[in-house]
Amino acid sequence: MYGWWIMPFFGIIFLVLVLFIVSRFFGAGGYCGRPHADRDSIEDLKKEIKALSDEIRELKNKK
């Protein structure tokens, strides 16, 4: 009977661990905690696309 206090203790530790994992899973802005470096590369690609579309527009205007 004296050892039953440990079961709720393990339950609380398990719940805190699950909450931490769920917060990392959904709180990172994506699944599985993807790094935010992807956002930087997306911004770089958008800038490159903008520059290329400007070049295309200039080439069309030269004709």
PDB file of N, CA and C in Angstrom:
ATOM      1  N   MET A   1       0.821  -1.205   0.000  1.00  0.00           N
ATOM      2  CA  MET A   1       0.000   0.000   0.000  1.00  0.00           C
ATOM      3  C   MET A   1       0.861   1.264   0.000  1.00  0.00           C
ATOM      4  N   TYR A   2       2.032   1.179   0.618  1.00  0.00           N
ATOM      5  CA  TYR A   2       2.838   2.394   0.750  1.00  0.00           C
ATOM      6  C   TYR A   2       3.479   2.820  -0.569  1.00  0.00           C
ATOM      7  N   GLY A   3       3.571   1.934  -1.531  1.00  0.00           N
ATOM      8  CA  GLY A   3       4.209   2.258  -2.792  1.00  0.00           C
ATOM      9  C   GLY A   3       3.281   2.806  -3.860  1.00  0.00           C
ATOM     10  N   TRP A   4       1.990   2.932  -3.559  1.00  0.00           N
ATOM     11  CA  TRP A   4       1.032   3.370  -4.576  1.00  0.00           C
ATOM     12  C   TRP A   4       1.157   4.849  -4.932  1.00  0.00           C
ATOM     13  N   TRP A   5       1.837   5.625  -4.153  1.00  0.00           N
ATOM     14  CA  TRP A   5       1.986   7.046  -4.468  1.00  0.00           C
ATOM     15  C   TRP A   5       2.823   7.253  -5.729  1.00  0.00           C
ATOM     16  N   ILE A   6       3.631   6.255  -6.091  1.00  0.00           N
ATOM     17  CA  ILE A   6       4.518   6.405  -7.233  1.00  0.00           C
ATOM     18  C   ILE A   6       3.779   6.344  -8.569  1.00  0.00           C
ATOM     19  N   MET A   7       2.650   5.664  -8.631  1.00  0.00           N
ATOM     20  CA  MET A   7       1.904   5.560  -9.888  1.00  0.00           C
ATOM     21  C   MET A   7       1.377   6.925 -10.358  1.00  0.00           C
ATOM     22  N   PRO A   8       0.743   7.729  -9.508  1.00  0.00           N
ATOM     23  CA  PRO A   8       0.347   9.068  -9.985  1.00  0.00           C
ATOM     24  C   PRO A   8       1.549   9.935 -10.359  1.00  0.00           C
ATOM     25  N   PHE A   9       2.660   9.734  -9.678  1.00  0.00           N
ATOM     26  CA  PHE A   9       3.877  10.474  -9.996  1.00  0.00           C
ATOM     27  C   PHE A   9       4.331  10.156 -11.417  1.00  0.00           C
ATOM     28  N   PHE A  10       4.373   8.872 -11.786  1.00  0.00           N
ATOM     29  CA  PHE A  10       4.732   8.489 -13.149  1.00  0.00           C
ATOM     30  C   PHE A  10       3.695   8.987 -14.154  1.00  0.00           C
ATOM     31  N   GLY A  11       2.441   8.999 -13.773  1.00  0.00           N
ATOM     32  CA  GLY A  11       1.394   9.503 -14.659  1.00  0.00           C
ATOM     33  C   GLY A  11       1.573  10.975 -14.965  1.00  0.00           C
ATOM     34  N   ILE A  12       1.894  11.756 -13.946  1.00  0.00           N
ATOM     35  CA  ILE A  12       2.106  13.199 -14.150  1.00  0.00           C
ATOM     36  C   ILE A  12       3.330  13.428 -15.033  1.00  0.00           C
ATOM     37  N   ILE A  13       4.402  12.694 -14.787  1.00  0.00           N
ATOM     38  CA  ILE A  13       5.603  12.837 -15.624  1.00  0.00           C
ATOM     39  C   ILE A  13       5.290  12.467 -17.070  1.00  0.00           C
ATOM     40  N   PHE A  14       4.530  11.412 -17.274  1.00  0.00           N
ATOM     41  CA  PHE A  14       4.150  11.001 -18.630  1.00  0.00           C
ATOM     42  C   PHE A  14       3.314  12.072 -19.312  1.00  0.00           C
ATOM     43  N   LEU A  15       2.346  12.654 -18.604  1.00  0.00           N
ATOM     44  CA  LEU A  15       1.507  13.695 -19.205  1.00  0.00           C
ATOM     45  C   LEU A  15       2.319  14.935 -19.573  1.00  0.00           C
ATOM     46  N   VAL A  16       3.238  15.321 -18.713  1.00  0.00           N
ATOM     47  CA  VAL A  16       4.079  16.488 -19.020  1.00  0.00           C
ATOM     48  C   VAL A  16       4.936  16.197 -20.249  1.00  0.00           C
ATOM     49  N   LEU A  17       5.474  14.996 -20.326  1.00  0.00           N
ATOM     50  CA  LEU A  17       6.279  14.615 -21.485  1.00  0.00           C
ATOM     51  C   LEU A  17       5.458  14.633 -22.768  1.00  0.00           C
ATOM     52  N   VAL A  18       4.247  14.111 -22.730  1.00  0.00           N
ATOM     53  CA  VAL A  18       3.378  14.103 -23.910  1.00  0.00           C
ATOM     54  C   VAL A  18       3.005  15.526 -24.306  1.00  0.00           C
ATOM     55  N   LEU A  19       2.697  16.376 -23.340  1.00  0.00           N
ATOM     56  CA  LEU A  19       2.378  17.774 -23.658  1.00  0.00           C
ATOM     57  C   LEU A  19       3.567  18.477 -24.300  1.00  0.00           C
ATOM     58  N   PHE A  20       4.762  18.198 -23.818  1.00  0.00           N
ATOM     59  CA  PHE A  20       5.954  18.803 -24.407  1.00  0.00           C
ATOM     60  C   PHE A  20       6.130  18.360 -25.865  1.00  0.00           C
ATOM     61  N   ILE A  21       5.963  17.061 -26.107  1.00  0.00           N
ATOM     62  CA  ILE A  21       6.118  16.530 -27.470  1.00  0.00           C
ATOM     63  C   ILE A  21       5.055  17.111 -28.397  1.00  0.00           C
ATOM     64  N   VAL A  22       3.818  17.199 -27.930  1.00  0.00           N
ATOM     65  CA  VAL A  22       2.742  17.752 -28.756  1.00  0.00           C
ATOM     66  C   VAL A  22       2.995  19.232 -29.040  1.00  0.00           C
ATOM     67  N   SER A  23       3.486  19.974 -28.053  1.00  0.00           N
ATOM     68  CA  SER A  23       3.761  21.396 -28.280  1.00  0.00           C
ATOM     69  C   SER A  23       4.890  21.581 -29.288  1.00  0.00           C
ATOM     70  N   ARG A  24       5.890  20.707 -29.268  1.00  0.00           N
ATOM     71  CA  ARG A  24       6.960  20.781 -30.256  1.00  0.00           C
ATOM     72  C   ARG A  24       6.458  20.373 -31.636  1.00  0.00           C
ATOM     73  N   PHE A  25       5.530  19.426 -31.671  1.00  0.00           N
ATOM     74  CA  PHE A  25       5.003  18.925 -32.931  1.00  0.00           C
ATOM     75  C   PHE A  25       4.168  19.981 -33.638  1.00  0.00           C
ATOM     76  N   PHE A  26       3.285  20.655 -32.910  1.00  0.00           N
ATOM     77  CA  PHE A  26       2.376  21.622 -33.526  1.00  0.00           C
ATOM     78  C   PHE A  26       2.856  23.064 -33.391  1.00  0.00           C
ATOM     79  N   GLY A  27       3.709  23.364 -32.447  1.00  0.00           N
ATOM     80  CA  GLY A  27       4.114  24.741 -32.199  1.00  0.00           C
ATOM     81  C   GLY A  27       5.233  25.233 -33.084  1.00  0.00           C
ATOM     82  N   ALA A  28       5.876  24.371 -33.823  1.00  0.00           N
ATOM     83  CA  ALA A  28       7.024  24.768 -34.628  1.00  0.00           C
ATOM     84  C   ALA A  28       6.612  25.341 -35.968  1.00  0.00           C
ATOM     85  N   GLY A  29       5.350  25.499 -36.238  1.00  0.00           N
ATOM     86  CA  GLY A  29       4.901  26.032 -37.509  1.00  0.00           C
ATOM     87  C   GLY A  29       4.844  24.975 -38.582  1.00  0.00           C
ATOM     88  N   GLY A  30       4.920  23.771 -38.215  1.00  0.00           N
ATOM     89  CA  GLY A  30       4.893  22.672 -39.158  1.00  0.00           C
ATOM     90  C   GLY A  30       4.978  21.364 -38.430  1.00  0.00           C
ATOM     91  N   TYR A  31       5.021  20.301 -39.181  1.00  0.00           N
ATOM     92  CA  TYR A  31       5.065  18.996 -38.544  1.00  0.00           C
ATOM     93  C   TYR A  31       6.497  18.623 -38.223  1.00  0.00           C
ATOM     94  N   CYS A  32       6.675  17.850 -37.215  1.00  0.00           N
ATOM     95  CA  CYS A  32       7.947  17.258 -36.783  1.00  0.00           C
ATOM     96  C   CYS A  32       9.009  18.304 -36.459  1.00  0.00           C
ATOM     97  N   GLY A  33       8.627  19.487 -36.098  1.00  0.00           N
ATOM     98  CA  GLY A  33       9.593  20.485 -35.682  1.00  0.00           C
ATOM     99  C   GLY A  33      10.586  20.880 -36.739  1.00  0.00           C
ATOM    100  N   ARG A  34      10.119  21.096 -37.958  1.00  0.00           N
ATOM    101  CA  ARG A  34      11.017  21.507 -39.025  1.00  0.00           C
ATOM    102  C   ARG A  34      11.706  22.811 -38.639  1.00  0.00           C
ATOM    103  N   PRO A  35      12.959  22.961 -38.989  1.00  0.00           N
ATOM    104  CA  PRO A  35      13.655  24.214 -38.677  1.00  0.00           C
ATOM    105  C   PRO A  35      13.096  25.364 -39.506  1.00  0.00           C
ATOM    106  N   HIS A  36      13.280  26.558 -38.999  1.00  0.00           N
ATOM    107  CA  HIS A  36      12.757  27.743 -39.677  1.00  0.00           C
ATOM    108  C   HIS A  36      13.682  28.227 -40.781  1.00  0.00           C
ATOM    109  N   ALA A  37      14.758  27.504 -41.029  1.00  0.00           N
ATOM    110  CA  ALA A  37      15.668  27.877 -42.111  1.00  0.00           C
ATOM    111  C   ALA A  37      14.974  27.774 -43.454  1.00  0.00           C
ATOM    112  N   ASP A  38      13.939  26.958 -43.542  1.00  0.00           N
ATOM    113  CA  ASP A  38      13.194  26.831 -44.790  1.00  0.00           C
ATOM    114  C   ASP A  38      12.566  28.163 -45.185  1.00  0.00           C
ATOM    115  N   ARG A  39      12.141  28.935 -44.214  1.00  0.00           N
ATOM    116  CA  ARG A  39      11.538  30.237 -44.510  1.00  0.00           C
ATOM    117  C   ARG A  39      12.543  31.167 -45.166  1.00  0.00           C
ATOM    118  N   ASP A  40      13.795  31.105 -44.715  1.00  0.00           N
ATOM    119  CA  ASP A  40      14.829  31.945 -45.318  1.00  0.00           C
ATOM    120  C   ASP A  40      15.072  31.546 -46.771  1.00  0.00           C
ATOM    121  N   SER A  41      15.117  30.264 -47.030  1.00  0.00           N
ATOM    122  CA  SER A  41      15.353  29.830 -48.404  1.00  0.00           C
ATOM    123  C   SER A  41      14.159  30.165 -49.292  1.00  0.00           C
ATOM    124  N   ILE A  42      12.953  30.126 -48.737  1.00  0.00           N
ATOM    125  CA  ILE A  42      11.762  30.502 -49.508  1.00  0.00           C
ATOM    126  C   ILE A  42      11.821  31.983 -49.867  1.00  0.00           C
ATOM    127  N   GLU A  43      12.238  32.809 -48.913  1.00  0.00           N
ATOM    128  CA  GLU A  43      12.363  34.243 -49.203  1.00  0.00           C
ATOM    129  C   GLU A  43      13.422  34.491 -50.276  1.00  0.00           C
ATOM    130  N   ASP A  44      14.528  33.760 -50.218  1.00  0.00           N
ATOM    131  CA  ASP A  44      15.565  33.903 -51.245  1.00  0.00           C
ATOM    132  C   ASP A  44      15.032  33.503 -52.619  1.00  0.00           C
ATOM    133  N   LEU A  45      14.266  32.427 -52.671  1.00  0.00           N
ATOM    134  CA  LEU A  45      13.687  31.994 -53.948  1.00  0.00           C
ATOM    135  C   LEU A  45      12.689  33.010 -54.476  1.00  0.00           C
ATOM    136  N   LYS A  46      11.903  33.613 -53.593  1.00  0.00           N
ATOM    137  CA  LYS A  46      10.955  34.643 -54.040  1.00  0.00           C
ATOM    138  C   LYS A  46      11.688  35.843 -54.629  1.00  0.00           C
ATOM    139  N   LYS A  47      12.804  36.238 -54.015  1.00  0.00           N
ATOM    140  CA  LYS A  47      13.587  37.354 -54.541  1.00  0.00           C
ATOM    141  C   LYS A  47      14.174  37.010 -55.905  1.00  0.00           C
ATOM    142  N   GLU A  48      14.649  35.778 -56.049  1.00  0.00           N
ATOM    143  CA  GLU A  48      15.215  35.363 -57.316  1.00  0.00           C
ATOM    144  C   GLU A  48      14.158  35.317 -58.410  1.00  0.00           C
ATOM    145  N   ILE A  49      12.970  34.837 -58.084  1.00  0.00           N
ATOM    146  CA  ILE A  49      11.879  34.809 -59.060  1.00  0.00           C
ATOM    147  C   ILE A  49      11.501  36.217 -59.474  1.00  0.00           C
ATOM    148  N   LYS A  50      11.474  37.136 -58.513  1.00  0.00           N
ATOM    149  CA  LYS A  50      11.144  38.535 -58.817  1.00  0.00           C
ATOM    150  C   LYS A  50      12.192  39.120 -59.763  1.00  0.00           C
ATOM    151  N   ALA A  51      13.478  38.843 -59.484  1.00  0.00           N
ATOM    152  CA  ALA A  51      14.544  39.362 -60.341  1.00  0.00           C
ATOM    153  C   ALA A  51      14.441  38.776 -61.744  1.00  0.00           C
ATOM    154  N   LEU A  52      14.157  37.494 -61.854  1.00  0.00           N
ATOM    155  CA  LEU A  52      14.030  36.873 -63.176  1.00  0.00           C
ATOM    156  C   LEU A  52      12.828  37.417 -63.941  1.00  0.00           C
ATOM    157  N   SER A  53      11.721  37.636 -63.243  1.00  0.00           N
ATOM    158  CA  SER A  53      10.552  38.187 -63.937  1.00  0.00           C
ATOM    159  C   SER A  53      10.822  39.614 -64.395  1.00  0.00           C
ATOM    160  N   ASP A  54      11.600  40.375 -63.633  1.00  0.00           N
ATOM    161  CA  ASP A  54      11.988  41.717 -64.070  1.00  0.00           C
ATOM    162  C   ASP A  54      12.860  41.652 -65.322  1.00  0.00           C
ATOM    163  N   GLU A  55      13.785  40.694 -65.350  1.00  0.00           N
ATOM    164  CA  GLU A  55      14.635  40.536 -66.535  1.00  0.00           C
ATOM    165  C   GLU A  55      13.799  40.158 -67.755  1.00  0.00           C
ATOM    166  N   ILE A  56      12.854  39.273 -67.583  1.00  0.00           N
ATOM    167  CA  ILE A  56      11.976  38.876 -68.693  1.00  0.00           C
ATOM    168  C   ILE A  56      11.179  40.068 -69.196  1.00  0.00           C
ATOM    169  N   ARG A  57      10.695  40.876 -68.288  1.00  0.00           N
ATOM    170  CA  ARG A  57       9.928  42.063 -68.659  1.00  0.00           C
ATOM    171  C   ARG A  57      10.794  43.031 -69.443  1.00  0.00           C
ATOM    172  N   GLU A  58      12.075  43.201 -69.037  1.00  0.00           N
ATOM    173  CA  GLU A  58      12.991  44.087 -69.747  1.00  0.00           C
ATOM    174  C   GLU A  58      13.287  43.545 -71.155  1.00  0.00           C
ATOM    175  N   LEU A  59      13.455  42.236 -71.270  1.00  0.00           N
ATOM    176  CA  LEU A  59      13.725  41.649 -72.579  1.00  0.00           C
ATOM    177  C   LEU A  59      12.535  41.798 -73.516  1.00  0.00           C
ATOM    178  N   LYS A  60      11.342  41.684 -72.984  1.00  0.00           N
ATOM    179  CA  LYS A  60      10.146  41.862 -73.806  1.00  0.00           C
ATOM    180  C   LYS A  60      10.006  43.301 -74.270  1.00  0.00           C
ATOM    181  N   ASN A  61      10.399  44.246 -73.431  1.00  0.00           N
ATOM    182  CA  ASN A  61      10.280  45.659 -73.783  1.00  0.00           C
ATOM    183  C   ASN A  61      11.316  46.063 -74.826  1.00  0.00           C
ATOM    184  N   LYS A  62      12.446  45.368 -74.934  1.00  0.00           N
ATOM    185  CA  LYS A  62      13.476  45.690 -75.916  1.00  0.00           C
ATOM    186  C   LYS A  62      13.048  45.329 -77.327  1.00  0.00           C
ATOM    187  N   LYS A  63      12.140  44.374 -77.486  1.00  0.00           N
ATOM    188  CA  LYS A  63      11.699  43.940 -78.818  1.00  0.00           C
ATOM    189  C   LYS A  63      10.887  44.957 -79.497  1.00  0.00           C
TER     190      LYS A  63
END
